Amino acid sequence: MPANIEIKARAQDFDGIKARAEKLSDTPVEVIPQVDVFFNVPQGRLKLRLLAPDRGQLIYYTRPDREGPKRSDYHISYTSDPESLKRVLELAYGLRGVVKKTRYLYLVGQTRVHLDDVQGLGQFMELEVVLREGQGDAEGQEIAEGLMISLGVERSDLLEGAYMDLLEKSSQV
């Protein structure tokens, strides 16, 4: 199963992190509007990422809910009919919720740097160090922590869980 090491944090200085990410990035920024539809599943998380009427990704992943670097194991399946797939999954599992965001994607070596403006939540930074064959979690964590420092992200800003979890918590207040 493919895996990455992830860090998610509140972006207290979104523009500053963005400027630093642009300097570090191997490629120009890619701006991606995303709608993630989450479904109720007994373990892990299952979401359908709607990218266009004829393009989507079904993503299943597991990772611990804790702050700081954590391993995420995932599978991705691509679809050319995301609305039909959404309906089938909604009937089978029930809809958990929807996360809408604008993602600014930067590539720094083997790391995907996401700056996310999440509707109803605010602005965040997420690192995904895509582990290479034979590469251990510790090496991925070291890369993530070094990049977090380079981007000026404070440990006190680190979060656990997914945006869906944060949205659910904010609606309970």
Protein backbone atom coordinates (compact mmCIF):
# COMPACT_ATOMS: atom_id res chain seq x y z
CA MET A 1 0.00 0.00 0.00
CA PRO A 2 1.45 3.43 -0.86
CA ALA A 3 2.30 5.56 2.17
CA ASN A 4 3.34 9.05 3.13
CA ILE A 5 4.27 10.94 6.26
CA GLU A 6 1.88 13.81 6.92
CA ILE A 7 1.89 16.98 8.94
CA LYS A 8 -1.13 19.27 9.13
CA ALA A 9 -1.09 22.70 10.78
CA ARG A 10 -3.06 25.91 11.02
CA ALA A 11 -1.46 28.51 8.74
CA GLN A 12 -1.16 31.54 10.99
CA ASP A 13 0.81 33.35 8.25
CA PHE A 14 -0.71 31.91 5.05
CA ASP A 15 0.95 34.47 2.74
CA GLY A 16 4.34 34.06 4.41
CA ILE A 17 4.22 30.26 4.16
CA LYS A 18 3.08 30.61 0.54
CA ALA A 19 6.06 32.86 -0.29
CA ARG A 20 8.52 30.43 1.35
CA ALA A 21 6.89 27.43 -0.42
CA GLU A 22 7.23 29.19 -3.78
CA LYS A 23 10.97 29.67 -3.18
CA LEU A 24 11.47 26.02 -2.18
CA SER A 25 9.22 24.48 -4.85
CA ASP A 26 10.62 22.53 -7.80
CA THR A 27 7.57 23.51 -9.89
CA PRO A 28 5.20 26.48 -10.23
CA VAL A 29 2.20 26.47 -7.91
CA GLU A 30 -0.85 24.53 -9.07
CA VAL A 31 -4.18 25.94 -7.83
CA ILE A 32 -6.77 23.18 -7.46
CA PRO A 33 -10.39 23.70 -6.39
CA GLN A 34 -11.42 20.52 -4.55
CA VAL A 35 -14.60 19.09 -3.13
CA ASP A 36 -14.07 16.05 -0.90
CA VAL A 37 -17.16 13.99 -0.13
CA PHE A 38 -16.65 11.75 2.92
CA PHE A 39 -18.60 8.55 3.55
CA ASN A 40 -19.32 6.63 6.74
CA VAL A 41 -17.02 3.62 6.94
CA PRO A 42 -16.22 1.29 9.85
CA GLN A 43 -12.48 1.97 9.73
CA GLY A 44 -10.16 4.48 8.08
CA ARG A 45 -11.53 7.25 5.89
CA LEU A 46 -13.18 7.06 2.47
CA LYS A 47 -13.58 10.17 0.36
CA LEU A 48 -14.46 10.96 -3.21
CA ARG A 49 -12.51 13.94 -4.50
CA LEU A 50 -14.50 15.78 -7.17
CA LEU A 51 -12.08 17.55 -9.52
CA ALA A 52 -14.28 18.06 -12.59
CA PRO A 53 -17.60 16.67 -13.92
CA ASP A 54 -15.63 13.91 -15.68
CA ARG A 55 -12.75 13.48 -13.22
CA GLY A 56 -12.58 12.27 -9.65
CA GLN A 57 -10.51 10.22 -7.24
CA LEU A 58 -11.82 7.72 -4.71
CA ILE A 59 -9.34 7.73 -1.82
CA TYR A 60 -9.27 5.32 1.10
CA TYR A 61 -6.71 6.00 3.82
CA THR A 62 -5.79 5.14 7.37
CA ARG A 63 -3.66 7.20 9.74
CA PRO A 64 -3.55 7.85 13.46
CA ASP A 65 -5.27 10.96 14.79
CA ARG A 66 -2.41 12.70 16.54
CA GLU A 67 -0.44 15.89 16.14
CA GLY A 68 2.86 15.98 14.30
CA PRO A 69 4.27 13.64 11.68
CA LYS A 70 2.22 10.51 11.13
CA ARG A 71 2.14 7.71 8.58
CA SER A 72 -0.81 7.56 6.21
CA ASP A 73 -1.43 4.44 4.11
CA TYR A 74 -3.68 5.04 1.12
CA HIS A 75 -5.21 3.71 -2.08
CA ILE A 76 -6.49 5.89 -4.93
CA SER A 77 -8.87 4.84 -7.71
CA TYR A 78 -9.67 7.19 -10.57
CA THR A 79 -13.12 7.71 -12.07
CA SER A 80 -14.54 9.50 -15.11
CA ASP A 81 -18.03 9.53 -13.59
CA PRO A 82 -17.66 10.91 -10.04
CA GLU A 83 -21.33 11.91 -9.59
CA SER A 84 -22.59 8.40 -10.30
CA LEU A 85 -19.96 6.91 -8.00
CA LYS A 86 -20.92 9.43 -5.30
CA ARG A 87 -24.55 8.31 -5.49
CA VAL A 88 -23.64 4.62 -5.21
CA LEU A 89 -21.33 5.23 -2.23
CA GLU A 90 -23.90 7.45 -0.54
CA LEU A 91 -26.53 4.71 -0.86
CA ALA A 92 -24.14 2.04 0.41
CA TYR A 93 -22.41 3.89 3.27
CA GLY A 94 -24.21 7.14 3.96
CA LEU A 95 -22.79 10.63 3.56
CA ARG A 96 -20.55 11.81 6.41
CA GLY A 97 -19.93 15.32 5.10
CA VAL A 98 -18.35 17.55 2.46
CA VAL A 99 -15.13 19.57 2.59
CA LYS A 100 -14.68 22.37 0.03
CA LYS A 101 -11.29 23.96 -0.40
CA THR A 102 -8.90 25.73 -2.69
CA ARG A 103 -5.55 23.96 -2.64
CA TYR A 104 -2.25 25.56 -3.59
CA LEU A 105 0.09 22.67 -4.45
CA TYR A 106 3.88 22.96 -4.39
CA LEU A 107 6.33 20.10 -4.99
CA VAL A 108 9.52 20.13 -2.94
CA GLY A 109 11.57 17.02 -3.66
CA GLN A 110 9.41 14.05 -2.67
CA THR A 111 7.05 16.23 -0.63
CA ARG A 112 3.70 17.66 -1.64
CA VAL A 113 3.22 20.98 0.15
CA HIS A 114 -0.47 21.93 0.33
CA LEU A 115 -1.69 25.35 1.34
CA ASP A 116 -5.41 24.94 1.79
CA ASP A 117 -8.11 27.57 2.14
CA VAL A 118 -10.94 25.47 3.59
CA GLN A 119 -14.52 26.77 3.46
CA GLY A 120 -15.86 27.21 6.98
CA LEU A 121 -12.52 26.43 8.68
CA GLY A 122 -9.79 28.80 7.53
CA GLN A 123 -6.28 28.36 6.18
CA PHE A 124 -3.97 25.42 6.68
CA MET A 125 -0.64 23.93 5.61
CA GLU A 126 -0.23 20.23 4.98
CA LEU A 127 2.90 18.28 4.11
CA GLU A 128 2.84 14.85 2.47
CA VAL A 129 6.25 13.23 2.21
CA VAL A 130 5.62 10.42 -0.29
CA LEU A 131 7.72 7.51 0.93
CA ARG A 132 9.90 5.83 -1.66
CA GLU A 133 10.41 2.08 -1.92
CA GLY A 134 12.46 0.96 1.10
CA GLN A 135 12.29 4.37 2.79
CA GLY A 136 11.35 4.24 6.47
CA ASP A 137 8.92 6.37 8.45
CA ALA A 138 11.76 7.97 10.44
CA GLU A 139 13.39 9.36 7.28
CA GLY A 140 10.05 10.72 6.08
CA GLN A 141 9.43 12.33 9.47
CA GLU A 142 12.86 13.97 9.36
CA ILE A 143 12.11 15.43 5.92
CA ALA A 144 8.68 16.67 7.07
CA GLU A 145 10.03 18.29 10.23
CA GLY A 146 12.86 20.00 8.33
CA LEU A 147 10.43 21.38 5.78
CA MET A 148 8.05 22.52 8.52
CA ILE A 149 10.91 24.60 9.98
CA SER A 150 11.87 25.98 6.53
CA LEU A 151 8.25 27.07 5.98
CA GLY A 152 8.07 28.78 9.39
CA VAL A 153 5.34 26.54 10.83
CA GLU A 154 5.24 26.40 14.63
CA ARG A 155 4.75 23.15 16.57
CA SER A 156 1.91 24.84 18.45
CA ASP A 157 -0.01 25.08 15.15
CA LEU A 158 0.04 21.31 14.48
CA LEU A 159 -3.30 19.52 14.21
CA GLU A 160 -4.59 15.99 14.38
CA GLY A 161 -7.31 14.46 12.24
CA ALA A 162 -8.77 15.53 8.91
CA TYR A 163 -10.62 18.66 7.79
CA MET A 164 -13.82 16.61 7.99
CA ASP A 165 -13.16 16.00 11.71
CA LEU A 166 -12.57 19.72 12.29
CA LEU A 167 -15.79 20.62 10.49
CA GLU A 168 -17.75 18.12 12.58
CA LYS A 169 -16.24 19.54 15.80
CA SER A 170 -16.99 23.14 14.75
CA SER A 171 -20.65 22.27 14.04
CA GLN A 172 -21.01 20.79 17.55
CA VAL A 173 -20.06 24.06 19.23
